[in-house]
PDB file of N, CA and C in Angstrom:
ATOM      1  N   MET A   1       0.845  -1.186   0.000  1.00  0.00           N
ATOM      2  CA  MET A   1       0.000   0.000   0.000  1.00  0.00           C
ATOM      3  C   MET A   1       0.890   1.250   0.000  1.00  0.00           C
ATOM      4  N   PHE A   2       0.533   2.216  -0.821  1.00  0.00           N
ATOM      5  CA  PHE A   2       1.294   3.453  -0.961  1.00  0.00           C
ATOM      6  C   PHE A   2       1.119   4.328   0.275  1.00  0.00           C
ATOM      7  N   ASP A   3       2.237   4.802   0.816  1.00  0.00           N
ATOM      8  CA  ASP A   3       2.221   5.672   1.997  1.00  0.00           C
ATOM      9  C   ASP A   3       2.360   7.123   1.535  1.00  0.00           C
ATOM     10  N   LEU A   4       1.240   7.803   1.380  1.00  0.00           N
ATOM     11  CA  LEU A   4       1.249   9.168   0.855  1.00  0.00           C
ATOM     12  C   LEU A   4       2.008  10.117   1.768  1.00  0.00           C
ATOM     13  N   ILE A   5       1.794  10.041   3.068  1.00  0.00           N
ATOM     14  CA  ILE A   5       2.478  10.952   3.997  1.00  0.00           C
ATOM     15  C   ILE A   5       3.993  10.793   3.873  1.00  0.00           C
ATOM     16  N   LYS A   6       4.459   9.574   3.821  1.00  0.00           N
ATOM     17  CA  LYS A   6       5.898   9.322   3.679  1.00  0.00           C
ATOM     18  C   LYS A   6       6.420   9.947   2.387  1.00  0.00           C
ATOM     19  N   HIS A   7       5.664   9.799   1.294  1.00  0.00           N
ATOM     20  CA  HIS A   7       6.054  10.386   0.013  1.00  0.00           C
ATOM     21  C   HIS A   7       6.107  11.912   0.105  1.00  0.00           C
ATOM     22  N   LEU A   8       5.108  12.516   0.744  1.00  0.00           N
ATOM     23  CA  LEU A   8       5.066  13.973   0.867  1.00  0.00           C
ATOM     24  C   LEU A   8       6.245  14.497   1.671  1.00  0.00           C
ATOM     25  N   VAL A   9       6.552  13.841   2.776  1.00  0.00           N
ATOM     26  CA  VAL A   9       7.666  14.272   3.630  1.00  0.00           C
ATOM     27  C   VAL A   9       8.990  14.089   2.899  1.00  0.00           C
ATOM     28  N   LYS A  10       9.189  12.931   2.289  1.00  0.00           N
ATOM     29  CA  LYS A  10      10.440  12.625   1.586  1.00  0.00           C
ATOM     30  C   LYS A  10      10.715  13.625   0.467  1.00  0.00           C
ATOM     31  N   ASN A  11       9.652  14.064  -0.216  1.00  0.00           N
ATOM     32  CA  ASN A  11       9.807  14.965  -1.359  1.00  0.00           C
ATOM     33  C   ASN A  11       9.532  16.423  -1.016  1.00  0.00           C
ATOM     34  N   ASP A  12       9.451  16.719   0.282  1.00  0.00           N
ATOM     35  CA  ASP A  12       9.270  18.086   0.769  1.00  0.00           C
ATOM     36  C   ASP A  12       8.083  18.789   0.096  1.00  0.00           C
ATOM     37  N   ILE A  13       6.961  18.070   0.031  1.00  0.00           N
ATOM     38  CA  ILE A  13       5.734  18.611  -0.552  1.00  0.00           C
ATOM     39  C   ILE A  13       4.895  19.202   0.576  1.00  0.00           C
ATOM     40  N   GLN A  14       4.569  20.484   0.441  1.00  0.00           N
ATOM     41  CA  GLN A  14       3.841  21.196   1.490  1.00  0.00           C
ATOM     42  C   GLN A  14       2.450  20.605   1.677  1.00  0.00           C
ATOM     43  N   HIS A  15       2.122  20.245   2.925  1.00  0.00           N
ATOM     44  CA  HIS A  15       0.832  19.629   3.228  1.00  0.00           C
ATOM     45  C   HIS A  15       0.494  19.817   4.696  1.00  0.00           C
ATOM     46  N   THR A  16      -0.775  19.591   5.015  1.00  0.00           N
ATOM     47  CA  THR A  16      -1.223  19.586   6.405  1.00  0.00           C
ATOM     48  C   THR A  16      -2.072  18.338   6.617  1.00  0.00           C
ATOM     49  N   VAL A  17      -2.106  17.893   7.861  1.00  0.00           N
ATOM     50  CA  VAL A  17      -2.955  16.769   8.248  1.00  0.00           C
ATOM     51  C   VAL A  17      -3.844  17.260   9.384  1.00  0.00           C
ATOM     52  N   SER A  18      -5.152  17.183   9.192  1.00  0.00           N
ATOM     53  CA  SER A  18      -6.093  17.656  10.213  1.00  0.00           C
ATOM     54  C   SER A  18      -6.161  16.672  11.372  1.00  0.00           C
ATOM     55  N   ASP A  19      -6.818  17.089  12.437  1.00  0.00           N
ATOM     56  CA  ASP A  19      -6.975  16.230  13.616  1.00  0.00           C
ATOM     57  C   ASP A  19      -7.668  14.912  13.287  1.00  0.00           C
ATOM     58  N   ASN A  20      -8.551  14.929  12.295  1.00  0.00           N
ATOM     59  CA  ASN A  20      -9.247  13.694  11.928  1.00  0.00           C
ATOM     60  C   ASN A  20      -8.530  12.920  10.818  1.00  0.00           C
ATOM     61  N   GLY A  21      -7.308  13.345  10.472  1.00  0.00           N
ATOM     62  CA  GLY A  21      -6.477  12.602   9.531  1.00  0.00           C
ATOM     63  C   GLY A  21      -6.604  12.991   8.076  1.00  0.00           C
ATOM     64  N   ASN A  22      -7.439  13.977   7.757  1.00  0.00           N
ATOM     65  CA  ASN A  22      -7.576  14.408   6.369  1.00  0.00           C
ATOM     66  C   ASN A  22      -6.319  15.149   5.926  1.00  0.00           C
ATOM     67  N   ILE A  23      -5.862  14.840   4.716  1.00  0.00           N
ATOM     68  CA  ILE A  23      -4.634  15.430   4.181  1.00  0.00           C
ATOM     69  C   ILE A  23      -5.000  16.509   3.169  1.00  0.00           C
ATOM     70  N   THR A  24      -4.367  17.679   3.314  1.00  0.00           N
ATOM     71  CA  THR A  24      -4.513  18.762   2.347  1.00  0.00           C
ATOM     72  C   THR A  24      -3.135  19.097   1.805  1.00  0.00           C
ATOM     73  N   ILE A  25      -3.002  19.033   0.486  1.00  0.00           N
ATOM     74  CA  ILE A  25      -1.755  19.380  -0.194  1.00  0.00           C
ATOM     75  C   ILE A  25      -1.964  20.752  -0.808  1.00  0.00           C
ATOM     76  N   THR A  26      -1.085  21.679  -0.476  1.00  0.00           N
ATOM     77  CA  THR A  26      -1.266  23.075  -0.850  1.00  0.00           C
ATOM     78  C   THR A  26      -1.239  23.306  -2.356  1.00  0.00           C
ATOM     79  N   HIS A  27      -0.321  22.653  -3.035  1.00  0.00           N
ATOM     80  CA  HIS A  27      -0.128  22.913  -4.465  1.00  0.00           C
ATOM     81  C   HIS A  27      -0.412  21.647  -5.275  1.00  0.00           C
ATOM     82  N   ASN A  28       0.425  21.360  -6.261  1.00  0.00           N
ATOM     83  CA  ASN A  28       0.245  20.211  -7.145  1.00  0.00           C
ATOM     84  C   ASN A  28       0.773  18.932  -6.512  1.00  0.00           C
ATOM     85  N   LEU A  29       0.256  17.801  -6.978  1.00  0.00           N
ATOM     86  CA  LEU A  29       0.767  16.498  -6.562  1.00  0.00           C
ATOM     87  C   LEU A  29       1.017  15.675  -7.815  1.00  0.00           C
ATOM     88  N   ASP A  30       2.297  15.464  -8.117  1.00  0.00           N
ATOM     89  CA  ASP A  30       2.704  14.726  -9.311  1.00  0.00           C
ATOM     90  C   ASP A  30       3.151  13.329  -8.905  1.00  0.00           C
ATOM     91  N   LEU A  31       2.303  12.341  -9.161  1.00  0.00           N
ATOM     92  CA  LEU A  31       2.629  10.947  -8.862  1.00  0.00           C
ATOM     93  C   LEU A  31       2.820  10.142 -10.146  1.00  0.00           C
ATOM     94  N   GLU A  32       2.948  10.827 -11.270  1.00  0.00           N
ATOM     95  CA  GLU A  32       3.058  10.162 -12.567  1.00  0.00           C
ATOM     96  C   GLU A  32       4.176   9.124 -12.572  1.00  0.00           C
ATOM     97  N   ASP A  33       3.821   7.908 -13.008  1.00  0.00           N
ATOM     98  CA  ASP A  33       4.762   6.793 -13.191  1.00  0.00           C
ATOM     99  C   ASP A  33       5.493   6.371 -11.922  1.00  0.00           C
ATOM    100  N   ILE A  34       4.980   6.711 -10.763  1.00  0.00           N
ATOM    101  CA  ILE A  34       5.607   6.276  -9.511  1.00  0.00           C
ATOM    102  C   ILE A  34       5.064   4.892  -9.162  1.00  0.00           C
ATOM    103  N   SER A  35       5.976   3.940  -9.062  1.00  0.00           N
ATOM    104  CA  SER A  35       5.548   2.571  -8.769  1.00  0.00           C
ATOM    105  C   SER A  35       5.017   2.484  -7.344  1.00  0.00           C
ATOM    106  N   GLY A  36       4.053   1.633  -7.155  1.00  0.00           N
ATOM    107  CA  GLY A  36       3.483   1.423  -5.831  1.00  0.00           C
ATOM    108  C   GLY A  36       2.284   2.288  -5.511  1.00  0.00           C
ATOM    109  N   VAL A  37       1.967   3.261  -6.358  1.00  0.00           N
ATOM    110  CA  VAL A  37       0.790   4.100  -6.102  1.00  0.00           C
ATOM    111  C   VAL A  37      -0.446   3.298  -6.513  1.00  0.00           C
ATOM    112  N   ASP A  38      -1.096   2.687  -5.512  1.00  0.00           N
ATOM    113  CA  ASP A  38      -2.266   1.862  -5.797  1.00  0.00           C
ATOM    114  C   ASP A  38      -3.526   2.369  -5.104  1.00  0.00           C
ATOM    115  N   THR A  39      -3.369   3.210  -4.093  1.00  0.00           N
ATOM    116  CA  THR A  39      -4.506   3.811  -3.394  1.00  0.00           C
ATOM    117  C   THR A  39      -4.125   5.200  -2.905  1.00  0.00           C
ATOM    118  N   LEU A  40      -5.130   6.000  -2.650  1.00  0.00           N
ATOM    119  CA  LEU A  40      -4.961   7.294  -1.992  1.00  0.00           C
ATOM    120  C   LEU A  40      -5.970   7.352  -0.855  1.00  0.00           C
ATOM    121  N   PRO A  41      -5.678   8.125   0.184  1.00  0.00           N
ATOM    122  CA  PRO A  41      -6.595   8.177   1.330  1.00  0.00           C
ATOM    123  C   PRO A  41      -7.879   8.950   1.015  1.00  0.00           C
ATOM    124  N   ASP A  42      -8.963   8.549   1.662  1.00  0.00           N
ATOM    125  CA  ASP A  42     -10.226   9.273   1.545  1.00  0.00           C
ATOM    126  C   ASP A  42     -10.057  10.696   2.072  1.00  0.00           C
ATOM    127  N   ASN A  43     -10.901  11.596   1.596  1.00  0.00           N
ATOM    128  CA  ASN A  43     -10.934  12.997   2.047  1.00  0.00           C
ATOM    129  C   ASN A  43      -9.649  13.756   1.735  1.00  0.00           C
ATOM    130  N   LEU A  44      -8.968  13.379   0.666  1.00  0.00           N
ATOM    131  CA  LEU A  44      -7.747  14.052   0.234  1.00  0.00           C
ATOM    132  C   LEU A  44      -8.115  15.318  -0.534  1.00  0.00           C
ATOM    133  N   THR A  45      -7.402  16.415  -0.246  1.00  0.00           N
ATOM    134  CA  THR A  45      -7.575  17.667  -0.974  1.00  0.00           C
ATOM    135  C   THR A  45      -6.241  18.069  -1.576  1.00  0.00           C
ATOM    136  N   VAL A  46      -6.243  18.346  -2.882  1.00  0.00           N
ATOM    137  CA  VAL A  46      -5.053  18.814  -3.592  1.00  0.00           C
ATOM    138  C   VAL A  46      -5.392  20.192  -4.146  1.00  0.00           C
ATOM    139  N   GLY A  47      -4.637  21.211  -3.736  1.00  0.00           N
ATOM    140  CA  GLY A  47      -4.944  22.576  -4.140  1.00  0.00           C
ATOM    141  C   GLY A  47      -4.736  22.848  -5.609  1.00  0.00           C
ATOM    142  N   GLY A  48      -3.753  22.201  -6.215  1.00  0.00           N
ATOM    143  CA  GLY A  48      -3.462  22.368  -7.638  1.00  0.00           C
ATOM    144  C   GLY A  48      -3.920  21.158  -8.420  1.00  0.00           C
ATOM    145  N   TRP A  49      -3.076  20.711  -9.372  1.00  0.00           N
ATOM    146  CA  TRP A  49      -3.438  19.538 -10.169  1.00  0.00           C
ATOM    147  C   TRP A  49      -2.926  18.259  -9.518  1.00  0.00           C
ATOM    148  N   LEU A  50      -3.547  17.153  -9.916  1.00  0.00           N
ATOM    149  CA  LEU A  50      -3.176  15.821  -9.443  1.00  0.00           C
ATOM    150  C   LEU A  50      -2.918  14.946 -10.655  1.00  0.00           C
ATOM    151  N   ASP A  51      -1.692  14.433 -10.764  1.00  0.00           N
ATOM    152  CA  ASP A  51      -1.325  13.576 -11.890  1.00  0.00           C
ATOM    153  C   ASP A  51      -1.085  12.160 -11.392  1.00  0.00           C
ATOM    154  N   LEU A  52      -1.967  11.253 -11.788  1.00  0.00           N
ATOM    155  CA  LEU A  52      -1.855   9.835 -11.440  1.00  0.00           C
ATOM    156  C   LEU A  52      -1.520   8.989 -12.666  1.00  0.00           C
ATOM    157  N   SER A  53      -1.137   9.621 -13.762  1.00  0.00           N
ATOM    158  CA  SER A  53      -0.853   8.917 -15.007  1.00  0.00           C
ATOM    159  C   SER A  53       0.201   7.835 -14.801  1.00  0.00           C
ATOM    160  N   GLY A  54      -0.055   6.668 -15.377  1.00  0.00           N
ATOM    161  CA  GLY A  54       0.916   5.587 -15.346  1.00  0.00           C
ATOM    162  C   GLY A  54       1.067   4.888 -14.008  1.00  0.00           C
ATOM    163  N   THR A  55       0.151   5.130 -13.075  1.00  0.00           N
ATOM    164  CA  THR A  55       0.216   4.449 -11.778  1.00  0.00           C
ATOM    165  C   THR A  55      -0.690   3.219 -11.803  1.00  0.00           C
ATOM    166  N   SER A  56      -0.598   2.409 -10.771  1.00  0.00           N
ATOM    167  CA  SER A  56      -1.417   1.192 -10.701  1.00  0.00           C
ATOM    168  C   SER A  56      -2.719   1.409  -9.931  1.00  0.00           C
ATOM    169  N   ILE A  57      -3.094   2.660  -9.710  1.00  0.00           N
ATOM    170  CA  ILE A  57      -4.333   2.960  -8.988  1.00  0.00           C
ATOM    171  C   ILE A  57      -5.541   2.479  -9.806  1.00  0.00           C
ATOM    172  N   THR A  58      -6.534   1.929  -9.124  1.00  0.00           N
ATOM    173  CA  THR A  58      -7.718   1.401  -9.815  1.00  0.00           C
ATOM    174  C   THR A  58      -9.002   2.140  -9.449  1.00  0.00           C
ATOM    175  N   ALA A  59      -8.957   2.957  -8.394  1.00  0.00           N
ATOM    176  CA  ALA A  59     -10.140   3.714  -7.969  1.00  0.00           C
ATOM    177  C   ALA A  59      -9.691   4.981  -7.258  1.00  0.00           C
ATOM    178  N   LEU A  60     -10.483   6.029  -7.397  1.00  0.00           N
ATOM    179  CA  LEU A  60     -10.201   7.268  -6.685  1.00  0.00           C
ATOM    180  C   LEU A  60     -10.825   7.205  -5.295  1.00  0.00           C
ATOM    181  N   PRO A  61     -10.227   7.901  -4.334  1.00  0.00           N
ATOM    182  CA  PRO A  61     -10.766   7.867  -2.971  1.00  0.00           C
ATOM    183  C   PRO A  61     -12.065   8.658  -2.847  1.00  0.00           C
ATOM    184  N   ASP A  62     -12.839   8.345  -1.823  1.00  0.00           N
ATOM    185  CA  ASP A  62     -14.052   9.104  -1.531  1.00  0.00           C
ATOM    186  C   ASP A  62     -13.688  10.533  -1.143  1.00  0.00           C
ATOM    187  N   ASN A  63     -14.526  11.466  -1.559  1.00  0.00           N
ATOM    188  CA  ASN A  63     -14.382  12.883  -1.198  1.00  0.00           C
ATOM    189  C   ASN A  63     -13.056  13.486  -1.641  1.00  0.00           C
ATOM    190  N   LEU A  64     -12.558  13.075  -2.802  1.00  0.00           N
ATOM    191  CA  LEU A  64     -11.349  13.670  -3.367  1.00  0.00           C
ATOM    192  C   LEU A  64     -11.699  15.040  -3.937  1.00  0.00           C
ATOM    193  N   THR A  65     -10.897  16.057  -3.577  1.00  0.00           N
ATOM    194  CA  THR A  65     -11.061  17.404  -4.106  1.00  0.00           C
ATOM    195  C   THR A  65      -9.755  17.826  -4.755  1.00  0.00           C
ATOM    196  N   VAL A  66      -9.828  18.238  -6.026  1.00  0.00           N
ATOM    197  CA  VAL A  66      -8.658  18.680  -6.778  1.00  0.00           C
ATOM    198  C   VAL A  66      -8.962  20.077  -7.304  1.00  0.00           C
ATOM    199  N   GLY A  67      -8.116  21.048  -6.960  1.00  0.00           N
ATOM    200  CA  GLY A  67      -8.361  22.423  -7.366  1.00  0.00           C
ATOM    201  C   GLY A  67      -8.080  22.686  -8.827  1.00  0.00           C
ATOM    202  N   GLY A  68      -7.146  21.932  -9.410  1.00  0.00           N
ATOM    203  CA  GLY A  68      -6.785  22.097 -10.812  1.00  0.00           C
ATOM    204  C   GLY A  68      -7.242  20.917 -11.636  1.00  0.00           C
ATOM    205  N   GLY A  69      -6.360  20.454 -12.537  1.00  0.00           N
ATOM    206  CA  GLY A  69      -6.694  19.334 -13.408  1.00  0.00           C
ATOM    207  C   GLY A  69      -6.418  17.988 -12.750  1.00  0.00           C
ATOM    208  N   LEU A  70      -7.083  16.964 -13.264  1.00  0.00           N
ATOM    209  CA  LEU A  70      -6.912  15.593 -12.793  1.00  0.00           C
ATOM    210  C   LEU A  70      -6.496  14.752 -13.984  1.00  0.00           C
ATOM    211  N   TYR A  71      -5.319  14.138 -13.900  1.00  0.00           N
ATOM    212  CA  TYR A  71      -4.754  13.392 -15.018  1.00  0.00           C
ATOM    213  C   TYR A  71      -4.701  11.910 -14.673  1.00  0.00           C
ATOM    214  N   LEU A  72      -5.388  11.092 -15.486  1.00  0.00           N
ATOM    215  CA  LEU A  72      -5.548   9.668 -15.197  1.00  0.00           C
ATOM    216  C   LEU A  72      -5.073   8.772 -16.341  1.00  0.00           C
ATOM    217  N   ARG A  73      -4.375   9.312 -17.330  1.00  0.00           N
ATOM    218  CA  ARG A  73      -3.922   8.536 -18.484  1.00  0.00           C
ATOM    219  C   ARG A  73      -3.114   7.321 -18.027  1.00  0.00           C
ATOM    220  N   GLY A  74      -3.397   6.180 -18.618  1.00  0.00           N
ATOM    221  CA  GLY A  74      -2.622   4.979 -18.335  1.00  0.00           C
ATOM    222  C   GLY A  74      -2.932   4.327 -17.004  1.00  0.00           C
ATOM    223  N   THR A  75      -4.066   4.672 -16.395  1.00  0.00           N
ATOM    224  CA  THR A  75      -4.480   4.010 -15.153  1.00  0.00           C
ATOM    225  C   THR A  75      -5.590   3.016 -15.487  1.00  0.00           C
ATOM    226  N   SER A  76      -5.983   2.232 -14.504  1.00  0.00           N
ATOM    227  CA  SER A  76      -7.082   1.275 -14.682  1.00  0.00           C
ATOM    228  C   SER A  76      -8.392   1.800 -14.103  1.00  0.00           C
ATOM    229  N   ILE A  77      -8.474   3.097 -13.883  1.00  0.00           N
ATOM    230  CA  ILE A  77      -9.704   3.692 -13.348  1.00  0.00           C
ATOM    231  C   ILE A  77     -10.772   3.680 -14.440  1.00  0.00           C
ATOM    232  N   THR A  78     -11.925   3.097 -14.122  1.00  0.00           N
ATOM    233  CA  THR A  78     -13.009   2.996 -15.103  1.00  0.00           C
ATOM    234  C   THR A  78     -14.251   3.785 -14.703  1.00  0.00           C
ATOM    235  N   ALA A  79     -14.275   4.287 -13.469  1.00  0.00           N
ATOM    236  CA  ALA A  79     -15.432   5.053 -12.998  1.00  0.00           C
ATOM    237  C   ALA A  79     -14.951   6.138 -12.045  1.00  0.00           C
ATOM    238  N   LEU A  80     -15.714   7.217 -11.991  1.00  0.00           N
ATOM    239  CA  LEU A  80     -15.398   8.315 -11.084  1.00  0.00           C
ATOM    240  C   LEU A  80     -16.423   8.339  -9.954  1.00  0.00           C
ATOM    241  N   PRO A  81     -15.969   8.594  -8.723  1.00  0.00           N
ATOM    242  CA  PRO A  81     -16.912   8.630  -7.604  1.00  0.00           C
ATOM    243  C   PRO A  81     -17.843   9.836  -7.700  1.00  0.00           C
ATOM    244  N   ASP A  82     -19.049   9.675  -7.188  1.00  0.00           N
ATOM    245  CA  ASP A  82     -20.040  10.751  -7.213  1.00  0.00           C
ATOM    246  C   ASP A  82     -19.580  11.979  -6.439  1.00  0.00           C
ATOM    247  N   ASN A  83     -18.770  11.783  -5.413  1.00  0.00           N
ATOM    248  CA  ASN A  83     -18.361  12.898  -4.557  1.00  0.00           C
ATOM    249  C   ASN A  83     -17.001  13.477  -4.943  1.00  0.00           C
ATOM    250  N   LEU A  84     -16.579  13.277  -6.189  1.00  0.00           N
ATOM    251  CA  LEU A  84     -15.339  13.849  -6.712  1.00  0.00           C
ATOM    252  C   LEU A  84     -15.575  15.308  -7.088  1.00  0.00           C
ATOM    253  N   THR A  85     -14.632  16.190  -6.700  1.00  0.00           N
ATOM    254  CA  THR A  85     -14.685  17.593  -7.088  1.00  0.00           C
ATOM    255  C   THR A  85     -13.385  17.950  -7.791  1.00  0.00           C
ATOM    256  N   VAL A  86     -13.495  18.451  -9.028  1.00  0.00           N
ATOM    257  CA  VAL A  86     -12.329  18.874  -9.805  1.00  0.00           C
ATOM    258  C   VAL A  86     -12.609  20.277 -10.301  1.00  0.00           C
ATOM    259  N   GLY A  87     -11.704  21.213  -9.984  1.00  0.00           N
ATOM    260  CA  GLY A  87     -11.939  22.603 -10.334  1.00  0.00           C
ATOM    261  C   GLY A  87     -11.341  23.022 -11.658  1.00  0.00           C
ATOM    262  N   GLY A  88     -10.319  22.324 -12.130  1.00  0.00           N
ATOM    263  CA  GLY A  88      -9.626  22.720 -13.352  1.00  0.00           C
ATOM    264  C   GLY A  88     -10.054  21.901 -14.542  1.00  0.00           C
ATOM    265  N   TRP A  89      -9.225  21.895 -15.550  1.00  0.00           N
ATOM    266  CA  TRP A  89      -9.517  21.164 -16.779  1.00  0.00           C
ATOM    267  C   TRP A  89      -8.562  20.028 -16.953  1.00  0.00           C
TER     268      TRP A  89
END
């Protein structure tokens, strides 16, 4: 299972974790072609764009909010959750 917090800390990506464990990433999150990315935590917020292209993820988390674009090329995602919010193109 992919450890998002570990990835954020290792790559010095600005983020906050709320008391209830929700993760907010201030800017963009580029996970393109990173091996091991198979899940993301529920209630994740990304302020900029989110690139999951070329990852092994098969479903988006519940209550995902992306302020910019969402890139899913080369993934096995076949459906989008009803509670997905994407602000960009």
